[in-house]
Amino acid sequence: MQEKTPKKWKMMVLSWTCIYPLLNIISFLLGPYLSGLDQLLRTLISTIILVPLMVLLLGVLQGKFRNWLIS
């Protein structure tokens, strides 16, 4: 049996619900430490932390919302 592929808009919503809180948490926690750095370096450091966390959390969210994603 072939598994259904989630609709792109549903994956976009799920990705956003993962990225938005993580980005705010990272900005809140690291903001004071990164404020003196150049914008490009701040973004680099933030994304180095954000992307692995997002991959882990997105995997969990995909499992929890599997039925919604394929409906």
N, C-alpha and C. Protein backbone atom coordinates (compact mmCIF):
# COMPACT_ATOMS: atom_id res chain seq x y z
N MET A 1 0.83 -1.18 0.00
CA MET A 1 0.00 0.00 0.00
C MET A 1 0.88 1.25 0.00
N GLN A 2 0.53 2.20 -0.85
CA GLN A 2 1.33 3.40 -0.98
C GLN A 2 0.83 4.47 -0.01
N GLU A 3 1.76 5.10 0.71
CA GLU A 3 1.38 6.15 1.64
C GLU A 3 1.08 7.43 0.91
N LYS A 4 0.09 8.17 1.41
CA LYS A 4 -0.25 9.46 0.82
C LYS A 4 0.83 10.49 1.16
N THR A 5 1.02 11.41 0.25
CA THR A 5 1.94 12.51 0.48
C THR A 5 1.15 13.68 1.05
N PRO A 6 1.64 14.31 2.11
CA PRO A 6 0.91 15.45 2.68
C PRO A 6 0.82 16.60 1.68
N LYS A 7 -0.26 17.34 1.79
CA LYS A 7 -0.42 18.54 0.95
C LYS A 7 0.63 19.56 1.36
N LYS A 8 1.11 20.29 0.36
CA LYS A 8 2.19 21.25 0.62
C LYS A 8 1.77 22.33 1.61
N TRP A 9 0.54 22.78 1.53
CA TRP A 9 0.12 23.86 2.42
C TRP A 9 0.08 23.36 3.87
N LYS A 10 -0.26 22.07 4.06
CA LYS A 10 -0.28 21.53 5.41
C LYS A 10 1.14 21.40 5.96
N MET A 11 2.07 21.00 5.13
CA MET A 11 3.47 20.92 5.56
C MET A 11 4.01 22.32 5.87
N MET A 12 3.57 23.31 5.09
CA MET A 12 4.00 24.69 5.33
C MET A 12 3.50 25.17 6.69
N VAL A 13 2.23 24.89 7.00
CA VAL A 13 1.66 25.30 8.29
C VAL A 13 2.38 24.60 9.43
N LEU A 14 2.62 23.31 9.28
CA LEU A 14 3.31 22.56 10.32
C LEU A 14 4.75 23.07 10.51
N SER A 15 5.43 23.36 9.41
CA SER A 15 6.79 23.90 9.48
C SER A 15 6.80 25.25 10.19
N TRP A 16 5.84 26.09 9.87
CA TRP A 16 5.76 27.40 10.50
C TRP A 16 5.51 27.27 12.00
N THR A 17 4.62 26.33 12.38
CA THR A 17 4.35 26.17 13.81
C THR A 17 5.56 25.63 14.56
N CYS A 18 6.49 25.08 13.84
CA CYS A 18 7.74 24.59 14.44
C CYS A 18 8.78 25.71 14.48
N ILE A 19 8.94 26.40 13.38
CA ILE A 19 10.00 27.41 13.25
C ILE A 19 9.72 28.65 14.10
N TYR A 20 8.50 29.15 14.06
CA TYR A 20 8.19 30.41 14.73
C TYR A 20 8.51 30.40 16.24
N PRO A 21 8.00 29.41 16.99
CA PRO A 21 8.34 29.41 18.42
C PRO A 21 9.83 29.19 18.68
N LEU A 22 10.46 28.29 17.91
CA LEU A 22 11.89 28.05 18.11
C LEU A 22 12.71 29.32 17.86
N LEU A 23 12.38 30.02 16.81
CA LEU A 23 13.11 31.25 16.49
C LEU A 23 12.95 32.29 17.59
N ASN A 24 11.74 32.41 18.13
CA ASN A 24 11.52 33.36 19.21
C ASN A 24 12.25 32.96 20.48
N ILE A 25 12.25 31.68 20.79
CA ILE A 25 12.97 31.20 21.98
C ILE A 25 14.47 31.45 21.84
N ILE A 26 15.02 31.12 20.67
CA ILE A 26 16.45 31.33 20.44
C ILE A 26 16.80 32.81 20.52
N SER A 27 15.96 33.64 19.91
CA SER A 27 16.22 35.09 19.96
C SER A 27 16.16 35.62 21.39
N PHE A 28 15.20 35.14 22.16
CA PHE A 28 15.06 35.58 23.55
C PHE A 28 16.26 35.14 24.39
N LEU A 29 16.65 33.88 24.24
CA LEU A 29 17.73 33.34 25.07
C LEU A 29 19.11 33.84 24.65
N LEU A 30 19.35 33.95 23.36
CA LEU A 30 20.68 34.31 22.88
C LEU A 30 20.83 35.78 22.51
N GLY A 31 19.72 36.49 22.42
CA GLY A 31 19.75 37.90 22.02
C GLY A 31 20.77 38.74 22.78
N PRO A 32 20.76 38.66 24.11
CA PRO A 32 21.71 39.48 24.87
C PRO A 32 23.18 39.13 24.57
N TYR A 33 23.44 37.88 24.27
CA TYR A 33 24.82 37.45 24.01
C TYR A 33 25.27 37.76 22.59
N LEU A 34 24.32 37.83 21.67
CA LEU A 34 24.68 38.03 20.26
C LEU A 34 24.50 39.47 19.80
N SER A 35 23.99 40.33 20.66
CA SER A 35 23.63 41.70 20.24
C SER A 35 24.82 42.51 19.72
N GLY A 36 26.01 42.22 20.18
CA GLY A 36 27.17 42.99 19.74
C GLY A 36 27.78 42.48 18.45
N LEU A 37 27.26 41.38 17.93
CA LEU A 37 27.83 40.78 16.72
C LEU A 37 27.17 41.34 15.46
N ASP A 38 27.85 41.17 14.36
CA ASP A 38 27.32 41.56 13.05
C ASP A 38 26.06 40.74 12.74
N GLN A 39 25.12 41.32 12.01
CA GLN A 39 23.85 40.66 11.67
C GLN A 39 24.06 39.31 11.00
N LEU A 40 25.00 39.21 10.08
CA LEU A 40 25.24 37.94 9.38
C LEU A 40 25.74 36.86 10.34
N LEU A 41 26.58 37.24 11.26
CA LEU A 41 27.09 36.28 12.24
C LEU A 41 25.99 35.85 13.22
N ARG A 42 25.14 36.79 13.64
CA ARG A 42 24.00 36.45 14.51
C ARG A 42 23.07 35.46 13.82
N THR A 43 22.80 35.72 12.54
CA THR A 43 21.93 34.82 11.78
C THR A 43 22.57 33.45 11.62
N LEU A 44 23.85 33.41 11.35
CA LEU A 44 24.56 32.14 11.21
C LEU A 44 24.47 31.32 12.49
N ILE A 45 24.76 31.93 13.61
CA ILE A 45 24.72 31.22 14.89
C ILE A 45 23.30 30.75 15.19
N SER A 46 22.33 31.61 14.97
CA SER A 46 20.94 31.24 15.23
C SER A 46 20.50 30.06 14.37
N THR A 47 20.85 30.07 13.09
CA THR A 47 20.42 28.99 12.21
C THR A 47 21.17 27.69 12.49
N ILE A 48 22.41 27.79 12.95
CA ILE A 48 23.16 26.58 13.34
C ILE A 48 22.43 25.87 14.48
N ILE A 49 21.82 26.63 15.36
CA ILE A 49 21.06 26.06 16.47
C ILE A 49 19.65 25.68 16.03
N LEU A 50 19.01 26.56 15.25
CA LEU A 50 17.61 26.39 14.87
C LEU A 50 17.35 25.17 13.99
N VAL A 51 18.16 24.97 12.97
CA VAL A 51 17.87 23.91 11.99
C VAL A 51 17.87 22.51 12.61
N PRO A 52 18.87 22.12 13.39
CA PRO A 52 18.78 20.78 14.00
C PRO A 52 17.58 20.63 14.95
N LEU A 53 17.29 21.68 15.73
CA LEU A 53 16.13 21.62 16.62
C LEU A 53 14.83 21.50 15.82
N MET A 54 14.76 22.24 14.72
CA MET A 54 13.57 22.20 13.87
C MET A 54 13.38 20.82 13.27
N VAL A 55 14.45 20.18 12.82
CA VAL A 55 14.35 18.85 12.23
C VAL A 55 13.82 17.85 13.26
N LEU A 56 14.33 17.92 14.48
CA LEU A 56 13.85 17.02 15.54
C LEU A 56 12.38 17.29 15.87
N LEU A 57 12.05 18.54 16.09
CA LEU A 57 10.68 18.88 16.46
C LEU A 57 9.71 18.63 15.32
N LEU A 58 10.11 18.90 14.10
CA LEU A 58 9.23 18.67 12.95
C LEU A 58 8.92 17.19 12.80
N GLY A 59 9.89 16.34 13.07
CA GLY A 59 9.65 14.90 13.04
C GLY A 59 8.60 14.48 14.06
N VAL A 60 8.69 15.04 15.25
CA VAL A 60 7.70 14.75 16.30
C VAL A 60 6.32 15.25 15.88
N LEU A 61 6.27 16.49 15.37
CA LEU A 61 4.99 17.06 14.95
C LEU A 61 4.36 16.29 13.80
N GLN A 62 5.18 15.81 12.87
CA GLN A 62 4.65 15.02 11.75
C GLN A 62 4.00 13.74 12.26
N GLY A 63 4.59 13.13 13.26
CA GLY A 63 3.99 11.93 13.85
C GLY A 63 2.68 12.23 14.55
N LYS A 64 2.65 13.33 15.30
CA LYS A 64 1.44 13.69 16.04
C LYS A 64 0.30 14.13 15.12
N PHE A 65 0.64 14.76 14.01
CA PHE A 65 -0.37 15.29 13.10
C PHE A 65 -0.49 14.46 11.81
N ARG A 66 -0.04 13.22 11.84
CA ARG A 66 -0.05 12.36 10.66
C ARG A 66 -1.43 12.26 10.00
N ASN A 67 -2.46 12.02 10.82
CA ASN A 67 -3.81 11.89 10.27
C ASN A 67 -4.26 13.17 9.58
N TRP A 68 -3.98 14.30 10.17
CA TRP A 68 -4.36 15.58 9.57
C TRP A 68 -3.58 15.83 8.29
N LEU A 69 -2.30 15.48 8.30
CA LEU A 69 -1.47 15.73 7.13
C LEU A 69 -1.93 14.94 5.91
N ILE A 70 -2.37 13.72 6.10
CA ILE A 70 -2.72 12.89 4.94
C ILE A 70 -4.21 12.93 4.61
N SER A 71 -4.99 13.64 5.39
CA SER A 71 -6.42 13.71 5.10
C SER A 71 -6.73 14.74 4.03
